[in-house]
Amino acid sequence: MAMYLTRFSYTPETWARMIETPEDRRDAARAYIESVGGKLHGFWYAFGEHDGWNLWEAPDNVSMAAVALAIGAGGALSSFETTVLLSVEDTMAALGKAKSVRYRPPGA
């Protein structure tokens, strides 16, 4: 299964609701990814550009995209960004294949 890192930020309205009624959102995040056959590996809040970070495992890009679309459509977030993570083994395979790509720089 593929690994994904997501960065998200809540809207001010969502923060206001969570201040009024604090809620541990890990269970919700776990349910979302498990509904497509995946697994939540981590959930953190942070200072900085993003309010939080998740580490997910999903069967494929379509499954992770479905989760991202559903979460994004919910209206609680002001941003949601997903990065597909490559294993070292996949990166090594990509490096090997890169040799056969006949790249030509613009204007060359």
PDB file of N, CA and C in Angstrom:
ATOM      1  N   MET A   1       0.846  -1.185   0.000  1.00  0.00           N
ATOM      2  CA  MET A   1       0.000   0.000   0.000  1.00  0.00           C
ATOM      3  C   MET A   1       0.887   1.243   0.000  1.00  0.00           C
ATOM      4  N   ALA A   2       0.357   2.293  -0.560  1.00  0.00           N
ATOM      5  CA  ALA A   2       1.089   3.557  -0.654  1.00  0.00           C
ATOM      6  C   ALA A   2       0.910   4.384   0.621  1.00  0.00           C
ATOM      7  N   MET A   3       1.906   5.228   0.894  1.00  0.00           N
ATOM      8  CA  MET A   3       1.865   6.125   2.051  1.00  0.00           C
ATOM      9  C   MET A   3       1.617   7.546   1.571  1.00  0.00           C
ATOM     10  N   TYR A   4       0.895   8.313   2.385  1.00  0.00           N
ATOM     11  CA  TYR A   4       0.525   9.689   2.043  1.00  0.00           C
ATOM     12  C   TYR A   4       0.697  10.584   3.262  1.00  0.00           C
ATOM     13  N   LEU A   5       1.203  11.773   3.032  1.00  0.00           N
ATOM     14  CA  LEU A   5       1.314  12.794   4.063  1.00  0.00           C
ATOM     15  C   LEU A   5       0.331  13.896   3.701  1.00  0.00           C
ATOM     16  N   THR A   6      -0.546  14.245   4.627  1.00  0.00           N
ATOM     17  CA  THR A   6      -1.451  15.372   4.379  1.00  0.00           C
ATOM     18  C   THR A   6      -1.178  16.471   5.386  1.00  0.00           C
ATOM     19  N   ARG A   7      -1.322  17.689   4.895  1.00  0.00           N
ATOM     20  CA  ARG A   7      -1.224  18.889   5.724  1.00  0.00           C
ATOM     21  C   ARG A   7      -2.563  19.600   5.605  1.00  0.00           C
ATOM     22  N   PHE A   8      -3.080  20.032   6.749  1.00  0.00           N
ATOM     23  CA  PHE A   8      -4.397  20.667   6.709  1.00  0.00           C
ATOM     24  C   PHE A   8      -4.441  21.861   7.638  1.00  0.00           C
ATOM     25  N   SER A   9      -5.396  22.729   7.364  1.00  0.00           N
ATOM     26  CA  SER A   9      -5.689  23.858   8.253  1.00  0.00           C
ATOM     27  C   SER A   9      -7.195  23.966   8.403  1.00  0.00           C
ATOM     28  N   TYR A  10      -7.616  24.214   9.630  1.00  0.00           N
ATOM     29  CA  TYR A  10      -9.036  24.415   9.914  1.00  0.00           C
ATOM     30  C   TYR A  10      -9.449  25.845   9.596  1.00  0.00           C
ATOM     31  N   THR A  11     -10.737  26.033   9.331  1.00  0.00           N
ATOM     32  CA  THR A  11     -11.276  27.382   9.202  1.00  0.00           C
ATOM     33  C   THR A  11     -11.395  27.973  10.609  1.00  0.00           C
ATOM     34  N   PRO A  12     -11.473  29.300  10.722  1.00  0.00           N
ATOM     35  CA  PRO A  12     -11.697  29.899  12.059  1.00  0.00           C
ATOM     36  C   PRO A  12     -12.985  29.389  12.711  1.00  0.00           C
ATOM     37  N   GLU A  13     -14.004  29.143  11.905  1.00  0.00           N
ATOM     38  CA  GLU A  13     -15.271  28.638  12.451  1.00  0.00           C
ATOM     39  C   GLU A  13     -15.097  27.240  13.052  1.00  0.00           C
ATOM     40  N   THR A  14     -14.289  26.424  12.400  1.00  0.00           N
ATOM     41  CA  THR A  14     -14.039  25.082  12.930  1.00  0.00           C
ATOM     42  C   THR A  14     -13.294  25.158  14.258  1.00  0.00           C
ATOM     43  N   TRP A  15     -12.268  26.020  14.327  1.00  0.00           N
ATOM     44  CA  TRP A  15     -11.556  26.194  15.602  1.00  0.00           C
ATOM     45  C   TRP A  15     -12.520  26.663  16.695  1.00  0.00           C
ATOM     46  N   ALA A  16     -13.418  27.584  16.367  1.00  0.00           N
ATOM     47  CA  ALA A  16     -14.382  28.079  17.358  1.00  0.00           C
ATOM     48  C   ALA A  16     -15.260  26.941  17.864  1.00  0.00           C
ATOM     49  N   ARG A  17     -15.729  26.070  16.954  1.00  0.00           N
ATOM     50  CA  ARG A  17     -16.549  24.923  17.364  1.00  0.00           C
ATOM     51  C   ARG A  17     -15.745  23.965  18.240  1.00  0.00           C
ATOM     52  N   MET A  18     -14.470  23.757  17.898  1.00  0.00           N
ATOM     53  CA  MET A  18     -13.652  22.834  18.683  1.00  0.00           C
ATOM     54  C   MET A  18     -13.291  23.414  20.045  1.00  0.00           C
ATOM     55  N   ILE A  19     -13.157  24.725  20.141  1.00  0.00           N
ATOM     56  CA  ILE A  19     -12.934  25.353  21.447  1.00  0.00           C
ATOM     57  C   ILE A  19     -14.176  25.183  22.319  1.00  0.00           C
ATOM     58  N   GLU A  20     -15.329  25.377  21.718  1.00  0.00           N
ATOM     59  CA  GLU A  20     -16.599  25.231  22.447  1.00  0.00           C
ATOM     60  C   GLU A  20     -16.822  23.779  22.882  1.00  0.00           C
ATOM     61  N   THR A  21     -16.527  22.843  21.980  1.00  0.00           N
ATOM     62  CA  THR A  21     -16.707  21.419  22.256  1.00  0.00           C
ATOM     63  C   THR A  21     -15.469  20.674  21.767  1.00  0.00           C
ATOM     64  N   PRO A  22     -14.432  20.568  22.611  1.00  0.00           N
ATOM     65  CA  PRO A  22     -13.200  19.892  22.177  1.00  0.00           C
ATOM     66  C   PRO A  22     -13.472  18.460  21.717  1.00  0.00           C
ATOM     67  N   GLU A  23     -12.785  18.086  20.645  1.00  0.00           N
ATOM     68  CA  GLU A  23     -12.975  16.756  20.067  1.00  0.00           C
ATOM     69  C   GLU A  23     -11.645  16.228  19.543  1.00  0.00           C
ATOM     70  N   ASP A  24     -11.328  14.992  19.905  1.00  0.00           N
ATOM     71  CA  ASP A  24     -10.150  14.307  19.376  1.00  0.00           C
ATOM     72  C   ASP A  24     -10.513  13.802  17.982  1.00  0.00           C
ATOM     73  N   ARG A  25      -9.931  14.396  16.943  1.00  0.00           N
ATOM     74  CA  ARG A  25     -10.304  14.079  15.568  1.00  0.00           C
ATOM     75  C   ARG A  25      -9.594  12.841  15.012  1.00  0.00           C
ATOM     76  N   ARG A  26      -8.749  12.200  15.802  1.00  0.00           N
ATOM     77  CA  ARG A  26      -8.070  10.998  15.307  1.00  0.00           C
ATOM     78  C   ARG A  26      -9.040   9.887  14.959  1.00  0.00           C
ATOM     79  N   ASP A  27     -10.072   9.699  15.778  1.00  0.00           N
ATOM     80  CA  ASP A  27     -11.037   8.631  15.489  1.00  0.00           C
ATOM     81  C   ASP A  27     -11.765   8.882  14.174  1.00  0.00           C
ATOM     82  N   ALA A  28     -12.117  10.141  13.921  1.00  0.00           N
ATOM     83  CA  ALA A  28     -12.780  10.472  12.661  1.00  0.00           C
ATOM     84  C   ALA A  28     -11.842  10.207  11.489  1.00  0.00           C
ATOM     85  N   ALA A  29     -10.587  10.660  11.599  1.00  0.00           N
ATOM     86  CA  ALA A  29      -9.617  10.452  10.518  1.00  0.00           C
ATOM     87  C   ALA A  29      -9.397   8.960  10.277  1.00  0.00           C
ATOM     88  N   ARG A  30      -9.311   8.202  11.347  1.00  0.00           N
ATOM     89  CA  ARG A  30      -9.124   6.747  11.228  1.00  0.00           C
ATOM     90  C   ARG A  30     -10.305   6.123  10.483  1.00  0.00           C
ATOM     91  N   ALA A  31     -11.513   6.536  10.801  1.00  0.00           N
ATOM     92  CA  ALA A  31     -12.705   5.987  10.138  1.00  0.00           C
ATOM     93  C   ALA A  31     -12.714   6.317   8.650  1.00  0.00           C
ATOM     94  N   TYR A  32     -12.283   7.535   8.300  1.00  0.00           N
ATOM     95  CA  TYR A  32     -12.270   7.920   6.886  1.00  0.00           C
ATOM     96  C   TYR A  32     -11.359   7.005   6.080  1.00  0.00           C
ATOM     97  N   ILE A  33     -10.131   6.803   6.540  1.00  0.00           N
ATOM     98  CA  ILE A  33      -9.169   6.026   5.757  1.00  0.00           C
ATOM     99  C   ILE A  33      -9.501   4.543   5.804  1.00  0.00           C
ATOM    100  N   GLU A  34     -10.012   4.063   6.933  1.00  0.00           N
ATOM    101  CA  GLU A  34     -10.390   2.650   7.011  1.00  0.00           C
ATOM    102  C   GLU A  34     -11.562   2.329   6.094  1.00  0.00           C
ATOM    103  N   SER A  35     -12.399   3.314   5.792  1.00  0.00           N
ATOM    104  CA  SER A  35     -13.543   3.079   4.901  1.00  0.00           C
ATOM    105  C   SER A  35     -13.116   2.752   3.478  1.00  0.00           C
ATOM    106  N   VAL A  36     -11.853   3.065   3.116  1.00  0.00           N
ATOM    107  CA  VAL A  36     -11.345   2.723   1.786  1.00  0.00           C
ATOM    108  C   VAL A  36     -10.263   1.640   1.864  1.00  0.00           C
ATOM    109  N   GLY A  37     -10.155   0.983   3.018  1.00  0.00           N
ATOM    110  CA  GLY A  37      -9.195  -0.104   3.174  1.00  0.00           C
ATOM    111  C   GLY A  37      -7.806   0.338   3.590  1.00  0.00           C
ATOM    112  N   GLY A  38      -7.688   1.554   4.134  1.00  0.00           N
ATOM    113  CA  GLY A  38      -6.388   2.086   4.526  1.00  0.00           C
ATOM    114  C   GLY A  38      -6.189   2.105   6.025  1.00  0.00           C
ATOM    115  N   LYS A  39      -5.128   2.806   6.439  1.00  0.00           N
ATOM    116  CA  LYS A  39      -4.770   2.873   7.855  1.00  0.00           C
ATOM    117  C   LYS A  39      -4.201   4.249   8.182  1.00  0.00           C
ATOM    118  N   LEU A  40      -4.584   4.781   9.332  1.00  0.00           N
ATOM    119  CA  LEU A  40      -4.015   6.024   9.843  1.00  0.00           C
ATOM    120  C   LEU A  40      -2.787   5.679  10.671  1.00  0.00           C
ATOM    121  N   HIS A  41      -1.633   6.241  10.304  1.00  0.00           N
ATOM    122  CA  HIS A  41      -0.392   5.976  11.034  1.00  0.00           C
ATOM    123  C   HIS A  41      -0.035   7.088  12.004  1.00  0.00           C
ATOM    124  N   GLY A  42      -0.592   8.276  11.821  1.00  0.00           N
ATOM    125  CA  GLY A  42      -0.273   9.364  12.727  1.00  0.00           C
ATOM    126  C   GLY A  42      -1.132  10.583  12.476  1.00  0.00           C
ATOM    127  N   PHE A  43      -1.332  11.360  13.525  1.00  0.00           N
ATOM    128  CA  PHE A  43      -2.151  12.577  13.469  1.00  0.00           C
ATOM    129  C   PHE A  43      -1.526  13.561  14.446  1.00  0.00           C
ATOM    130  N   TRP A  44      -1.081  14.702  13.933  1.00  0.00           N
ATOM    131  CA  TRP A  44      -0.428  15.697  14.776  1.00  0.00           C
ATOM    132  C   TRP A  44      -0.987  17.076  14.488  1.00  0.00           C
ATOM    133  N   TYR A  45      -1.045  17.909  15.522  1.00  0.00           N
ATOM    134  CA  TYR A  45      -1.304  19.335  15.342  1.00  0.00           C
ATOM    135  C   TYR A  45       0.033  20.053  15.384  1.00  0.00           C
ATOM    136  N   ALA A  46       0.082  21.256  14.801  1.00  0.00           N
ATOM    137  CA  ALA A  46       1.364  21.944  14.680  1.00  0.00           C
ATOM    138  C   ALA A  46       1.176  23.452  14.722  1.00  0.00           C
ATOM    139  N   PHE A  47       2.253  24.149  15.031  1.00  0.00           N
ATOM    140  CA  PHE A  47       2.331  25.589  14.839  1.00  0.00           C
ATOM    141  C   PHE A  47       2.839  25.806  13.419  1.00  0.00           C
ATOM    142  N   GLY A  48       2.493  26.927  12.823  1.00  0.00           N
ATOM    143  CA  GLY A  48       3.073  27.235  11.520  1.00  0.00           C
ATOM    144  C   GLY A  48       2.049  27.351  10.425  1.00  0.00           C
ATOM    145  N   GLU A  49       2.503  27.085   9.220  1.00  0.00           N
ATOM    146  CA  GLU A  49       1.675  27.270   8.027  1.00  0.00           C
ATOM    147  C   GLU A  49       0.445  26.368   8.028  1.00  0.00           C
ATOM    148  N   HIS A  50       0.567  25.168   8.596  1.00  0.00           N
ATOM    149  CA  HIS A  50      -0.551  24.211   8.633  1.00  0.00           C
ATOM    150  C   HIS A  50      -0.916  23.914  10.084  1.00  0.00           C
ATOM    151  N   ASP A  51      -2.203  23.670  10.307  1.00  0.00           N
ATOM    152  CA  ASP A  51      -2.671  23.352  11.654  1.00  0.00           C
ATOM    153  C   ASP A  51      -2.384  21.919  12.050  1.00  0.00           C
ATOM    154  N   GLY A  52      -2.293  21.028  11.067  1.00  0.00           N
ATOM    155  CA  GLY A  52      -2.074  19.632  11.395  1.00  0.00           C
ATOM    156  C   GLY A  52      -1.502  18.834  10.250  1.00  0.00           C
ATOM    157  N   TRP A  53      -1.048  17.625  10.609  1.00  0.00           N
ATOM    158  CA  TRP A  53      -0.413  16.705   9.674  1.00  0.00           C
ATOM    159  C   TRP A  53      -0.946  15.304   9.952  1.00  0.00           C
ATOM    160  N   ASN A  54      -1.173  14.544   8.883  1.00  0.00           N
ATOM    161  CA  ASN A  54      -1.581  13.140   9.014  1.00  0.00           C
ATOM    162  C   ASN A  54      -0.651  12.276   8.178  1.00  0.00           C
ATOM    163  N   LEU A  55      -0.405  11.069   8.645  1.00  0.00           N
ATOM    164  CA  LEU A  55       0.310  10.072   7.868  1.00  0.00           C
ATOM    165  C   LEU A  55      -0.655   8.910   7.664  1.00  0.00           C
ATOM    166  N   TRP A  56      -0.947   8.633   6.401  1.00  0.00           N
ATOM    167  CA  TRP A  56      -1.945   7.633   6.031  1.00  0.00           C
ATOM    168  C   TRP A  56      -1.314   6.556   5.162  1.00  0.00           C
ATOM    169  N   GLU A  57      -1.955   5.406   5.143  1.00  0.00           N
ATOM    170  CA  GLU A  57      -1.631   4.351   4.195  1.00  0.00           C
ATOM    171  C   GLU A  57      -2.934   4.023   3.483  1.00  0.00           C
ATOM    172  N   ALA A  58      -2.893   3.940   2.150  1.00  0.00           N
ATOM    173  CA  ALA A  58      -4.101   3.636   1.381  1.00  0.00           C
ATOM    174  C   ALA A  58      -3.752   2.644   0.278  1.00  0.00           C
ATOM    175  N   PRO A  59      -4.738   1.883  -0.177  1.00  0.00           N
ATOM    176  CA  PRO A  59      -4.468   0.879  -1.206  1.00  0.00           C
ATOM    177  C   PRO A  59      -3.946   1.464  -2.523  1.00  0.00           C
ATOM    178  N   ASP A  60      -4.369   2.694  -2.842  1.00  0.00           N
ATOM    179  CA  ASP A  60      -3.978   3.287  -4.119  1.00  0.00           C
ATOM    180  C   ASP A  60      -4.338   4.774  -4.124  1.00  0.00           C
ATOM    181  N   ASN A  61      -3.904   5.466  -5.177  1.00  0.00           N
ATOM    182  CA  ASN A  61      -4.151   6.909  -5.276  1.00  0.00           C
ATOM    183  C   ASN A  61      -5.638   7.236  -5.349  1.00  0.00           C
ATOM    184  N   VAL A  62      -6.410   6.410  -6.011  1.00  0.00           N
ATOM    185  CA  VAL A  62      -7.849   6.676  -6.126  1.00  0.00           C
ATOM    186  C   VAL A  62      -8.512   6.635  -4.752  1.00  0.00           C
ATOM    187  N   SER A  63      -8.137   5.674  -3.926  1.00  0.00           N
ATOM    188  CA  SER A  63      -8.705   5.567  -2.580  1.00  0.00           C
ATOM    189  C   SER A  63      -8.344   6.779  -1.735  1.00  0.00           C
ATOM    190  N   MET A  64      -7.078   7.207  -1.788  1.00  0.00           N
ATOM    191  CA  MET A  64      -6.657   8.380  -1.017  1.00  0.00           C
ATOM    192  C   MET A  64      -7.329   9.630  -1.560  1.00  0.00           C
ATOM    193  N   ALA A  65      -7.459   9.730  -2.878  1.00  0.00           N
ATOM    194  CA  ALA A  65      -8.143  10.883  -3.464  1.00  0.00           C
ATOM    195  C   ALA A  65      -9.594  10.946  -3.003  1.00  0.00           C
ATOM    196  N   ALA A  66     -10.250   9.799  -2.880  1.00  0.00           N
ATOM    197  CA  ALA A  66     -11.638   9.766  -2.410  1.00  0.00           C
ATOM    198  C   ALA A  66     -11.736  10.321  -0.990  1.00  0.00           C
ATOM    199  N   VAL A  67     -10.803   9.931  -0.128  1.00  0.00           N
ATOM    200  CA  VAL A  67     -10.789  10.443   1.244  1.00  0.00           C
ATOM    201  C   VAL A  67     -10.534  11.949   1.233  1.00  0.00           C
ATOM    202  N   ALA A  68      -9.549  12.383   0.466  1.00  0.00           N
ATOM    203  CA  ALA A  68      -9.219  13.810   0.399  1.00  0.00           C
ATOM    204  C   ALA A  68     -10.399  14.624  -0.123  1.00  0.00           C
ATOM    205  N   LEU A  69     -11.067  14.131  -1.146  1.00  0.00           N
ATOM    206  CA  LEU A  69     -12.233  14.842  -1.699  1.00  0.00           C
ATOM    207  C   LEU A  69     -13.361  14.938  -0.671  1.00  0.00           C
ATOM    208  N   ALA A  70     -13.627  13.838   0.018  1.00  0.00           N
ATOM    209  CA  ALA A  70     -14.701  13.838   1.019  1.00  0.00           C
ATOM    210  C   ALA A  70     -14.389  14.813   2.154  1.00  0.00           C
ATOM    211  N   ILE A  71     -13.144  14.793   2.632  1.00  0.00           N
ATOM    212  CA  ILE A  71     -12.762  15.704   3.713  1.00  0.00           C
ATOM    213  C   ILE A  71     -12.829  17.149   3.229  1.00  0.00           C
ATOM    214  N   GLY A  72     -12.277  17.401   2.053  1.00  0.00           N
ATOM    215  CA  GLY A  72     -12.289  18.757   1.510  1.00  0.00           C
ATOM    216  C   GLY A  72     -13.677  19.301   1.282  1.00  0.00           C
ATOM    217  N   ALA A  73     -14.605  18.433   0.881  1.00  0.00           N
ATOM    218  CA  ALA A  73     -15.980  18.858   0.616  1.00  0.00           C
ATOM    219  C   ALA A  73     -16.762  19.136   1.898  1.00  0.00           C
ATOM    220  N   GLY A  74     -16.212  18.723   3.044  1.00  0.00           N
ATOM    221  CA  GLY A  74     -16.928  18.888   4.305  1.00  0.00           C
ATOM    222  C   GLY A  74     -17.005  20.309   4.812  1.00  0.00           C
ATOM    223  N   GLY A  75     -16.126  21.178   4.326  1.00  0.00           N
ATOM    224  CA  GLY A  75     -16.192  22.586   4.693  1.00  0.00           C
ATOM    225  C   GLY A  75     -15.493  22.987   5.984  1.00  0.00           C
ATOM    226  N   ALA A  76     -14.915  22.047   6.721  1.00  0.00           N
ATOM    227  CA  ALA A  76     -14.265  22.380   7.995  1.00  0.00           C
ATOM    228  C   ALA A  76     -12.829  22.865   7.825  1.00  0.00           C
ATOM    229  N   LEU A  77     -12.268  22.653   6.635  1.00  0.00           N
ATOM    230  CA  LEU A  77     -10.862  22.976   6.418  1.00  0.00           C
ATOM    231  C   LEU A  77     -10.711  24.156   5.467  1.00  0.00           C
ATOM    232  N   SER A  78      -9.684  24.944   5.706  1.00  0.00           N
ATOM    233  CA  SER A  78      -9.355  26.025   4.774  1.00  0.00           C
ATOM    234  C   SER A  78      -8.307  25.570   3.773  1.00  0.00           C
ATOM    235  N   SER A  79      -7.577  24.490   4.095  1.00  0.00           N
ATOM    236  CA  SER A  79      -6.623  23.904   3.147  1.00  0.00           C
ATOM    237  C   SER A  79      -6.424  22.437   3.477  1.00  0.00           C
ATOM    238  N   PHE A  80      -6.114  21.662   2.442  1.00  0.00           N
ATOM    239  CA  PHE A  80      -5.847  20.231   2.590  1.00  0.00           C
ATOM    240  C   PHE A  80      -4.927  19.841   1.437  1.00  0.00           C
ATOM    241  N   GLU A  81      -3.693  19.481   1.754  1.00  0.00           N
ATOM    242  CA  GLU A  81      -2.704  19.137   0.738  1.00  0.00           C
ATOM    243  C   GLU A  81      -2.219  17.713   0.986  1.00  0.00           C
ATOM    244  N   THR A  82      -2.098  16.941  -0.088  1.00  0.00           N
ATOM    245  CA  THR A  82      -1.655  15.558   0.025  1.00  0.00           C
ATOM    246  C   THR A  82      -0.378  15.344  -0.772  1.00  0.00           C
ATOM    247  N   THR A  83       0.583  14.670  -0.158  1.00  0.00           N
ATOM    248  CA  THR A  83       1.828  14.302  -0.823  1.00  0.00           C
ATOM    249  C   THR A  83       1.939  12.787  -0.827  1.00  0.00           C
ATOM    250  N   VAL A  84       2.163  12.208  -2.015  1.00  0.00           N
ATOM    251  CA  VAL A  84       2.411  10.781  -2.111  1.00  0.00           C
ATOM    252  C   VAL A  84       3.855  10.545  -1.685  1.00  0.00           C
ATOM    253  N   LEU A  85       4.059   9.636  -0.742  1.00  0.00           N
ATOM    254  CA  LEU A  85       5.401   9.333  -0.253  1.00  0.00           C
ATOM    255  C   LEU A  85       5.933   8.084  -0.956  1.00  0.00           C
ATOM    256  N   LEU A  86       7.180   8.139  -1.351  1.00  0.00           N
ATOM    257  CA  LEU A  86       7.827   6.998  -2.000  1.00  0.00           C
ATOM    258  C   LEU A  86       8.757   6.303  -1.013  1.00  0.00           C
ATOM    259  N   SER A  87       8.725   4.993  -1.033  1.00  0.00           N
ATOM    260  CA  SER A  87       9.683   4.241  -0.214  1.00  0.00           C
ATOM    261  C   SER A  87      11.070   4.404  -0.818  1.00  0.00           C
ATOM    262  N   VAL A  88      12.074   4.063  -0.038  1.00  0.00           N
ATOM    263  CA  VAL A  88      13.444   4.100  -0.556  1.00  0.00           C
ATOM    264  C   VAL A  88      13.557   3.124  -1.740  1.00  0.00           C
ATOM    265  N   GLU A  89      12.918   1.972  -1.623  1.00  0.00           N
ATOM    266  CA  GLU A  89      12.966   0.981  -2.702  1.00  0.00           C
ATOM    267  C   GLU A  89      12.346   1.526  -3.992  1.00  0.00           C
ATOM    268  N   ASP A  90      11.182   2.192  -3.880  1.00  0.00           N
ATOM    269  CA  ASP A  90      10.552   2.787  -5.064  1.00  0.00           C
ATOM    270  C   ASP A  90      11.426   3.885  -5.654  1.00  0.00           C
ATOM    271  N   THR A  91      12.069   4.664  -4.790  1.00  0.00           N
ATOM    272  CA  THR A  91      12.951   5.726  -5.274  1.00  0.00           C
ATOM    273  C   THR A  91      14.152   5.126  -5.988  1.00  0.00           C
ATOM    274  N   MET A  92      14.706   4.044  -5.464  1.00  0.00           N
ATOM    275  CA  MET A  92      15.825   3.387  -6.125  1.00  0.00           C
ATOM    276  C   MET A  92      15.405   2.857  -7.495  1.00  0.00           C
ATOM    277  N   ALA A  93      14.212   2.289  -7.589  1.00  0.00           N
ATOM    278  CA  ALA A  93      13.709   1.802  -8.880  1.00  0.00           C
ATOM    279  C   ALA A  93      13.524   2.958  -9.855  1.00  0.00           C
ATOM    280  N   ALA A  94      13.003   4.086  -9.361  1.00  0.00           N
ATOM    281  CA  ALA A  94      12.824   5.262 -10.215  1.00  0.00           C
ATOM    282  C   ALA A  94      14.167   5.789 -10.708  1.00  0.00           C
ATOM    283  N   LEU A  95      15.162   5.794  -9.840  1.00  0.00           N
ATOM    284  CA  LEU A  95      16.495   6.232 -10.252  1.00  0.00           C
ATOM    285  C   LEU A  95      17.043   5.343 -11.360  1.00  0.00           C
ATOM    286  N   GLY A  96      16.794   4.053 -11.248  1.00  0.00           N
ATOM    287  CA  GLY A  96      17.236   3.125 -12.279  1.00  0.00           C
ATOM    288  C   GLY A  96      16.536   3.379 -13.603  1.00  0.00           C
ATOM    289  N   LYS A  97      15.246   3.647 -13.567  1.00  0.00           N
ATOM    290  CA  LYS A  97      14.489   3.927 -14.790  1.00  0.00           C
ATOM    291  C   LYS A  97      14.848   5.275 -15.383  1.00  0.00           C
ATOM    292  N   ALA A  98      15.274   6.215 -14.538  1.00  0.00           N
ATOM    293  CA  ALA A  98      15.598   7.557 -15.028  1.00  0.00           C
ATOM    294  C   ALA A  98      16.701   7.523 -16.075  1.00  0.00           C
ATOM    295  N   LYS A  99      17.571   6.514 -16.007  1.00  0.00           N
ATOM    296  CA  LYS A  99      18.652   6.395 -16.988  1.00  0.00           C
ATOM    297  C   LYS A  99      18.121   6.248 -18.412  1.00  0.00           C
ATOM    298  N   SER A 100      16.949   5.624 -18.555  1.00  0.00           N
ATOM    299  CA  SER A 100      16.404   5.365 -19.893  1.00  0.00           C
ATOM    300  C   SER A 100      15.532   6.502 -20.418  1.00  0.00           C
ATOM    301  N   VAL A 101      15.268   7.516 -19.597  1.00  0.00           N
ATOM    302  CA  VAL A 101      14.470   8.658 -20.040  1.00  0.00           C
ATOM    303  C   VAL A 101      15.373   9.594 -20.833  1.00  0.00           C
ATOM    304  N   ARG A 102      14.997   9.860 -22.027  1.00  0.00           N
ATOM    305  CA  ARG A 102      15.820  10.714 -22.897  1.00  0.00           C
ATOM    306  C   ARG A 102      15.339  12.161 -22.788  1.00  0.00           C
ATOM    307  N   TYR A 103      15.647  12.792 -21.672  1.00  0.00           N
ATOM    308  CA  TYR A 103      15.243  14.170 -21.411  1.00  0.00           C
ATOM    309  C   TYR A 103      16.076  15.122 -22.253  1.00  0.00           C
ATOM    310  N   ARG A 104      15.407  16.136 -22.800  1.00  0.00           N
ATOM    311  CA  ARG A 104      16.084  17.189 -23.552  1.00  0.00           C
ATOM    312  C   ARG A 104      15.688  18.525 -22.954  1.00  0.00           C
ATOM    313  N   PRO A 105      16.641  19.309 -22.434  1.00  0.00           N
ATOM    314  CA  PRO A 105      16.312  20.607 -21.866  1.00  0.00           C
ATOM    315  C   PRO A 105      15.703  21.536 -22.930  1.00  0.00           C
ATOM    316  N   PRO A 106      14.848  22.480 -22.512  1.00  0.00           N
ATOM    317  CA  PRO A 106      14.275  23.408 -23.475  1.00  0.00           C
ATOM    318  C   PRO A 106      15.377  24.145 -24.246  1.00  0.00           C
ATOM    319  N   GLY A 107      15.184  24.265 -25.542  1.00  0.00           N
ATOM    320  CA  GLY A 107      16.119  24.997 -26.382  1.00  0.00           C
ATOM    321  C   GLY A 107      17.379  24.232 -26.749  1.00  0.00           C
ATOM    322  N   ALA A 108      17.525  23.010 -26.277  1.00  0.00           N
ATOM    323  CA  ALA A 108      18.749  22.232 -26.575  1.00  0.00           C
ATOM    324  C   ALA A 108      18.577  21.404 -27.828  1.00  0.00           C
TER     325      ALA A 108
END
